[in-house]
Protein backbone atom coordinates (compact mmCIF):
# COMPACT_ATOMS: atom_id res chain seq x y z
CA UNK A 1 14.05 5.89 8.39
CA UNK A 2 11.14 6.97 6.71
CA UNK A 3 8.86 4.41 5.32
CA UNK A 4 6.44 4.40 2.52
CA UNK A 5 4.25 1.42 1.82
CA UNK A 6 2.53 1.41 -1.40
CA UNK A 7 -0.67 -0.85 -2.21
CA UNK A 8 -0.06 -1.82 -5.86
CA UNK A 9 -3.50 -2.95 -5.67
CA UNK A 10 -6.42 -4.35 -3.37
CA UNK A 11 -6.80 -7.25 -5.99
CA UNK A 12 -5.28 -10.34 -4.70
CA UNK A 13 -5.30 -14.34 -5.68
CA UNK A 14 -6.42 -15.13 -2.32
CA UNK A 15 -9.12 -14.19 0.26
CA UNK A 16 -7.59 -15.11 3.76
CA UNK A 17 -9.61 -14.61 6.71
CA UNK A 18 -7.24 -12.63 8.79
CA UNK A 19 -6.53 -9.77 5.66
CA UNK A 20 -6.88 -6.35 7.25
CA UNK A 21 -7.45 -4.90 3.98
CA UNK A 22 -10.33 -7.41 2.80
CA UNK A 23 -8.61 -7.87 -0.61
CA UNK A 24 -10.60 -10.23 -2.87
CA UNK A 25 -10.02 -12.16 -6.18
CA UNK A 26 -12.47 -9.41 -7.84
CA UNK A 27 -10.56 -7.13 -10.26
CA UNK A 28 -9.47 -4.03 -9.06
CA UNK A 29 -7.36 -1.14 -10.53
CA UNK A 30 -3.63 -0.58 -9.76
CA UNK A 31 -1.87 2.42 -8.69
CA UNK A 32 -0.87 4.90 -11.38
CA UNK A 33 3.29 4.36 -11.97
CA UNK A 34 3.70 8.11 -12.25
CA UNK A 35 1.64 9.23 -9.35
CA UNK A 36 3.23 6.57 -7.36
CA UNK A 37 6.72 7.66 -8.42
CA UNK A 38 5.94 11.52 -7.72
CA UNK A 39 5.21 10.47 -4.58
CA UNK A 40 8.28 8.92 -3.69
CA UNK A 41 10.08 11.64 -5.09
CA UNK A 42 8.55 14.41 -3.29
CA UNK A 43 8.66 12.21 0.27
CA UNK A 44 12.46 11.71 -0.64
CA UNK A 45 13.08 15.47 -0.57
CA UNK A 46 10.46 16.25 2.14
CA UNK A 47 10.51 13.63 4.47
CA UNK A 48 14.26 11.82 4.12
CA UNK A 49 12.30 8.59 2.61
CA UNK A 50 14.52 5.62 2.89
CA UNK A 51 12.10 2.37 2.38
CA UNK A 52 9.56 1.37 0.11
CA UNK A 53 7.14 -1.34 0.31
CA UNK A 54 5.36 -2.59 -2.26
CA UNK A 55 2.35 -4.64 -1.15
CA UNK A 56 -1.56 -5.41 -1.86
CA UNK A 57 -3.60 -7.05 -2.43
CA UNK A 58 -0.89 -8.78 -4.39
CA UNK A 59 1.55 -7.15 -6.37
CA UNK A 60 2.78 -10.27 -8.19
CA UNK A 61 -0.73 -9.71 -10.29
CA UNK A 62 0.64 -6.71 -12.10
CA UNK A 63 4.70 -7.74 -12.39
CA UNK A 64 5.44 -4.88 -14.97
CA UNK A 65 4.39 -2.43 -12.92
CA UNK A 66 6.10 -3.97 -9.73
CA UNK A 67 9.02 -4.02 -12.10
CA UNK A 68 8.86 -0.63 -13.25
CA UNK A 69 8.50 0.81 -9.47
CA UNK A 70 11.39 -1.23 -8.19
CA UNK A 71 13.75 0.06 -10.70
CA UNK A 72 12.33 3.37 -10.09
CA UNK A 73 13.15 3.03 -6.44
CA UNK A 74 16.47 1.70 -6.94
CA UNK A 75 17.25 4.37 -9.04
CA UNK A 76 16.81 7.12 -6.68
CA UNK A 77 18.83 5.28 -4.06
CA UNK A 78 15.85 3.83 -1.93
CA UNK A 79 15.72 0.90 -0.55
CA UNK A 80 12.80 -1.39 -1.76
CA UNK A 81 10.74 -4.69 -0.29
CA UNK A 82 8.09 -6.71 -2.17
CA UNK A 83 5.63 -8.24 0.13
CA UNK A 84 3.76 -11.28 -1.97
CA UNK A 85 2.13 -14.61 -1.37
CA UNK A 86 4.19 -16.08 -4.36
CA UNK A 87 1.33 -17.49 -6.32
CA UNK A 88 3.34 -16.81 -9.26
CA UNK A 89 5.76 -19.38 -7.86
CA UNK A 90 3.87 -22.70 -9.69
CA UNK A 91 6.91 -23.73 -11.57
CA UNK A 92 10.91 -22.50 -11.66
CA UNK A 93 10.40 -20.39 -14.78
CA UNK A 94 7.88 -18.41 -13.50
CA UNK A 95 9.57 -18.14 -10.04
CA UNK A 96 12.55 -16.83 -12.02
CA UNK A 97 10.96 -14.47 -14.21
CA UNK A 98 9.52 -12.77 -11.14
CA UNK A 99 12.32 -12.77 -8.69
CA UNK A 100 14.96 -11.86 -11.26
CA UNK A 101 14.00 -8.10 -11.89
CA UNK A 102 13.33 -7.63 -8.15
CA UNK A 103 16.84 -8.83 -7.00
CA UNK A 104 18.82 -7.39 -10.07
CA UNK A 105 17.46 -3.73 -8.43
CA UNK A 106 18.45 -5.06 -4.91
CA UNK A 107 14.94 -5.43 -3.52
CA UNK A 108 14.07 -7.51 -0.96
CA UNK A 109 11.00 -9.98 -0.95
CA UNK A 110 8.75 -10.67 2.16
CA UNK A 111 6.89 -14.38 1.64
CA UNK A 112 3.51 -15.03 3.44
CA UNK A 113 3.41 -18.65 5.28
CA UNK A 114 0.24 -19.49 7.67
CA UNK A 115 -2.89 -21.66 7.80
CA UNK A 116 -4.55 -18.40 6.45
CA UNK A 117 -2.60 -18.45 3.28
CA UNK A 118 -2.33 -22.40 2.76
CA UNK A 119 -5.61 -22.56 1.23
CA UNK A 120 -4.79 -20.17 -1.71
CA UNK A 121 -0.89 -20.77 -1.87
CA UNK A 122 0.49 -24.25 -1.36
CA UNK A 123 3.61 -24.98 0.73
CA UNK A 124 5.46 -25.95 -2.78
CA UNK A 125 5.18 -22.21 -4.11
CA UNK A 126 6.70 -21.05 -0.96
CA UNK A 127 9.67 -23.69 -1.14
CA UNK A 128 10.40 -22.70 -4.49
CA UNK A 129 10.40 -19.02 -4.24
CA UNK A 130 13.05 -19.23 -1.49
CA UNK A 131 15.06 -21.95 -3.38
CA UNK A 132 15.38 -19.94 -6.41
CA UNK A 133 16.29 -16.92 -4.10
CA UNK A 134 18.80 -18.26 -2.72
CA UNK A 135 20.19 -19.34 -6.26
CA UNK A 136 20.00 -15.87 -7.14
CA UNK A 137 21.30 -14.68 -3.91
CA UNK A 138 18.57 -12.46 -3.46
CA UNK A 139 17.51 -11.25 0.28
CA UNK A 140 13.80 -12.27 1.73
CA UNK A 141 12.05 -12.59 4.70
CA UNK A 142 9.30 -14.82 5.98
CA UNK A 143 5.75 -13.61 7.80
CA UNK A 144 3.91 -15.72 9.54
CA UNK A 145 0.76 -14.78 11.33
CA UNK A 146 -1.46 -16.37 14.41
CA UNK A 147 -4.36 -16.04 16.46
CA UNK A 148 -2.37 -15.91 19.72
CA UNK A 149 1.50 -16.46 18.78
CA UNK A 150 2.16 -16.84 22.41
CA UNK A 151 -0.20 -19.66 23.13
CA UNK A 152 -0.58 -21.18 19.81
CA UNK A 153 -3.02 -23.67 21.24
CA UNK A 154 -5.96 -23.46 18.36
CA UNK A 155 -5.73 -25.38 15.27
CA UNK A 156 -5.07 -22.73 12.59
CA UNK A 157 -1.92 -21.60 14.71
CA UNK A 158 -0.61 -25.42 15.32
CA UNK A 159 -1.23 -25.77 11.23
CA UNK A 160 1.03 -22.59 10.85
CA UNK A 161 3.69 -24.24 12.82
CA UNK A 162 3.30 -27.67 11.04
CA UNK A 163 4.03 -25.80 7.76
CA UNK A 164 6.79 -23.77 8.96
CA UNK A 165 8.11 -26.86 10.57
CA UNK A 166 7.77 -28.48 7.12
CA UNK A 167 9.45 -25.66 5.47
CA UNK A 168 12.40 -26.10 7.58
CA UNK A 169 12.93 -29.47 6.74
CA UNK A 170 12.57 -29.29 3.48
CA UNK A 171 15.10 -26.06 3.29
CA UNK A 172 17.39 -28.13 6.18
CA UNK A 173 16.76 -25.75 8.55
CA UNK A 174 18.16 -22.66 6.17
CA UNK A 175 15.07 -20.12 6.56
CA UNK A 176 16.24 -16.49 7.14
CA UNK A 177 14.54 -14.00 8.87
CA UNK A 178 11.38 -15.65 10.14
CA UNK A 179 8.93 -13.11 11.40
CA UNK A 180 6.06 -14.68 13.52
CA UNK A 181 3.46 -12.73 15.60
CA UNK A 182 -0.32 -12.37 16.28
CA UNK A 183 -2.14 -10.73 13.83
CA UNK A 184 -4.34 -7.68 14.40
CA UNK A 185 -8.21 -7.92 14.26
CA UNK A 186 -8.89 -5.38 12.15
CA UNK A 187 -10.31 -5.48 8.63
CA UNK A 188 -11.72 -9.01 7.59
CA UNK A 189 -10.39 -10.64 10.82
CA UNK A 190 -12.51 -8.43 12.67
CA UNK A 191 -15.50 -10.41 11.55
CA UNK A 192 -13.96 -13.78 10.80
CA UNK A 193 -11.48 -14.39 13.66
CA UNK A 194 -12.20 -12.39 16.54
CA UNK A 195 -14.45 -14.73 18.19
CA UNK A 196 -12.01 -17.41 18.30
CA UNK A 197 -10.08 -15.19 20.84
CA UNK A 198 -12.19 -12.62 22.37
CA UNK A 199 -13.90 -14.51 25.30
CA UNK A 200 -12.75 -13.16 28.34
CA UNK A 201 -10.43 -10.31 27.11
CA UNK A 202 -12.93 -7.74 28.12
CA UNK A 203 -13.48 -3.97 26.55
CA UNK A 204 -9.95 -2.69 25.64
CA UNK A 205 -9.66 0.85 27.04
CA UNK A 206 -6.23 1.88 26.39
CA UNK A 207 -5.69 4.76 23.90
CA UNK A 208 -3.97 4.24 20.44
CA UNK A 209 -0.97 6.75 19.90
CA UNK A 210 0.52 4.16 17.16
CA UNK A 211 -0.67 1.72 14.32
CA UNK A 212 1.07 -1.65 16.51
CA UNK A 213 2.09 -3.23 12.35
CA UNK A 214 5.18 -1.06 12.42
CA UNK A 215 7.78 0.30 15.14
CA UNK A 216 7.60 3.55 14.72
CA UNK A 217 4.32 3.70 13.29
CA UNK A 218 3.21 6.74 15.81
CA UNK A 219 -0.07 8.68 14.67
CA UNK A 220 1.90 12.22 15.22
CA UNK A 221 4.70 11.22 13.29
CA UNK A 222 5.32 10.57 9.27
CA UNK A 223 8.18 7.90 10.39
CA UNK A 224 5.29 5.52 8.55
CA UNK A 225 3.09 6.55 5.29
CA UNK A 226 0.90 4.30 3.16
CA UNK A 227 -0.03 5.05 -0.23
CA UNK A 228 -3.48 3.29 -2.24
CA UNK A 229 -4.30 2.87 -5.69
CA UNK A 230 -7.01 5.79 -4.92
CA UNK A 231 -4.26 8.11 -3.82
CA UNK A 232 -5.32 8.13 -0.06
CA UNK A 233 -2.31 8.76 2.07
CA UNK A 234 -2.78 7.23 5.64
CA UNK A 235 -1.19 4.77 8.12
CA UNK A 236 -2.95 1.94 6.61
CA UNK A 237 -5.62 1.58 9.15
CA UNK A 238 -8.61 2.92 7.05
CA UNK A 239 -8.01 6.56 8.12
CA UNK A 240 -7.04 8.96 5.79
CA UNK A 241 -4.63 11.75 5.88
CA UNK A 242 -5.18 13.39 2.48
CA UNK A 243 -5.44 12.53 -1.11
CA UNK A 244 -2.10 13.31 -3.47
CA UNK A 245 -4.34 13.33 -6.33
CA UNK A 246 -6.20 16.44 -4.62
CA UNK A 247 -3.25 18.16 -2.85
CA UNK A 248 0.76 17.25 -3.03
CA UNK A 249 2.09 14.98 -0.22
CA UNK A 250 4.12 17.87 1.01
CA UNK A 251 0.99 19.86 1.99
CA UNK A 252 -0.57 17.47 3.15
CA UNK A 253 2.40 16.57 5.62
CA UNK A 254 3.09 20.01 6.46
CA UNK A 255 -0.79 20.74 7.14
CA UNK A 256 -1.66 17.67 9.14
CA UNK A 257 -2.09 17.74 12.93
CA UNK A 258 -3.00 14.31 14.60
CA UNK A 259 -4.53 15.90 17.54
CA UNK A 260 -6.94 18.25 15.27
CA UNK A 261 -7.76 15.19 13.21
CA UNK A 262 -11.35 14.47 13.77
CA UNK A 263 -10.27 10.37 14.37
CA UNK A 264 -6.44 10.72 15.43
CA UNK A 265 -7.46 12.85 17.99
CA UNK A 266 -10.06 10.53 19.93
CA UNK A 267 -7.94 7.72 19.29
CA UNK A 268 -4.78 9.94 21.24
CA UNK A 269 -7.18 10.85 24.13
CA UNK A 270 -9.75 7.95 24.61
CA UNK A 271 -8.39 5.40 22.30
CA UNK A 272 -11.11 3.02 20.08
CA UNK A 273 -13.30 3.26 23.08
CA UNK A 274 -14.02 6.68 22.59
CA UNK A 275 -14.83 5.93 18.78
CA UNK A 276 -17.11 3.24 20.19
CA UNK A 277 -18.73 5.67 22.25
CA UNK A 278 -19.58 8.01 19.71
CA UNK A 279 -20.71 5.42 17.42
CA UNK A 280 -23.31 4.34 20.09
CA UNK A 281 -25.02 7.45 19.16
CA UNK A 282 -25.66 5.75 15.62
CA UNK A 283 -26.68 2.95 16.98
CA UNK A 284 -23.64 1.04 17.76
CA UNK A 285 -23.61 -1.62 20.81
CA UNK A 286 -20.47 -2.30 23.28
CA UNK A 287 -19.90 -5.89 23.45
CA UNK A 288 -18.70 -7.72 26.76
CA UNK A 289 -14.94 -8.82 24.96
CA UNK A 290 -13.00 -8.11 22.04
CA UNK A 291 -10.02 -9.96 20.87
CA UNK A 292 -7.92 -6.48 21.08
CA UNK A 293 -8.10 -2.83 20.63
CA UNK A 294 -8.19 -2.92 16.49
CA UNK A 295 -11.70 -5.19 16.29
CA UNK A 296 -13.20 -2.33 18.43
CA UNK A 297 -11.55 0.34 16.35
CA UNK A 298 -13.03 -1.43 13.22
CA UNK A 299 -16.35 -2.14 14.49
CA UNK A 300 -16.59 1.51 15.59
CA UNK A 301 -15.18 2.79 12.44
CA UNK A 302 -17.79 0.56 10.46
CA UNK A 303 -20.60 2.65 12.21
CA UNK A 304 -18.94 5.75 11.86
CA UNK A 305 -18.33 6.02 7.84
CA UNK A 306 -21.35 8.13 7.15
CA UNK A 307 -20.37 11.14 9.66
CA UNK A 308 -16.84 10.89 8.24
CA UNK A 309 -16.87 9.66 4.64
CA UNK A 310 -13.77 11.82 3.51
CA UNK A 311 -11.83 10.27 6.56
CA UNK A 312 -13.20 6.55 6.75
CA UNK A 313 -11.56 5.53 3.19
CA UNK A 314 -10.95 3.43 1.10
CA UNK A 315 -13.69 1.33 0.95
CA UNK A 316 -11.62 -1.87 0.92
CA UNK A 317 -11.13 -1.38 4.58
CA UNK A 318 -14.72 -1.51 5.35
CA UNK A 319 -16.91 -3.21 2.76
């Protein structure tokens, strides 16, 4: 199943420590509606597109744009999902106003719940969003990020478990599709959270043939693509394949070869460690321990941006 993730904006109501897109509350422009729809239509024709995921930042900051995109996706008979922190759910009226247009067009919604979102979105908001969803007969999922899901021994993960248990209590155990897993240490998480778990893990030297946040995210396939507000097509890791403002998405796909891409080729052959060795030429110093290979990749790419300015974009992954 071919999937396109569209970043409505990189602006957010939150600035979570684990955000791999380094989203902030600073104003950021949304994606152009016509540009996004054209990309969706082209991928439906050329890449058998079956699912479009709308995320951010926070898509709820641009509700009309989000509603229009969901309606257009539904009209094309493509499945849609919206990922949101539910900041808009501060009362029943506002929750219904946001959710009803989505569910009328058969979209599903994914809500975020963990200790990283808690400072910005109270648990009451998530509870209300799920309750209203149930009243409207909508489909939803719950996503929870942990520093180490298997151990869950640190205070952040324990707090996430407490939030989930409290939500279960309030909803009498009726929570659909809870997705729980260890976060990836790229973006802001590489800077703010990796030190909490990196000790003793050493230097990751495995190759990287797929992005780890999607089950079919192979670098040399087009099962997963991401589109950002600037028009860049990528796998969602801050490494561009092309820009649809300059060239049609079909051209980008037809001409793309991961084994010849200056960064994907290194990841396929020697992994993030290979990028780090290249970054050493520009002053990067390897550490004894990394939380995961995403952290090593992030730090290497931060240093290599001047060498590959047309590929290491957008800036939200790096600033």
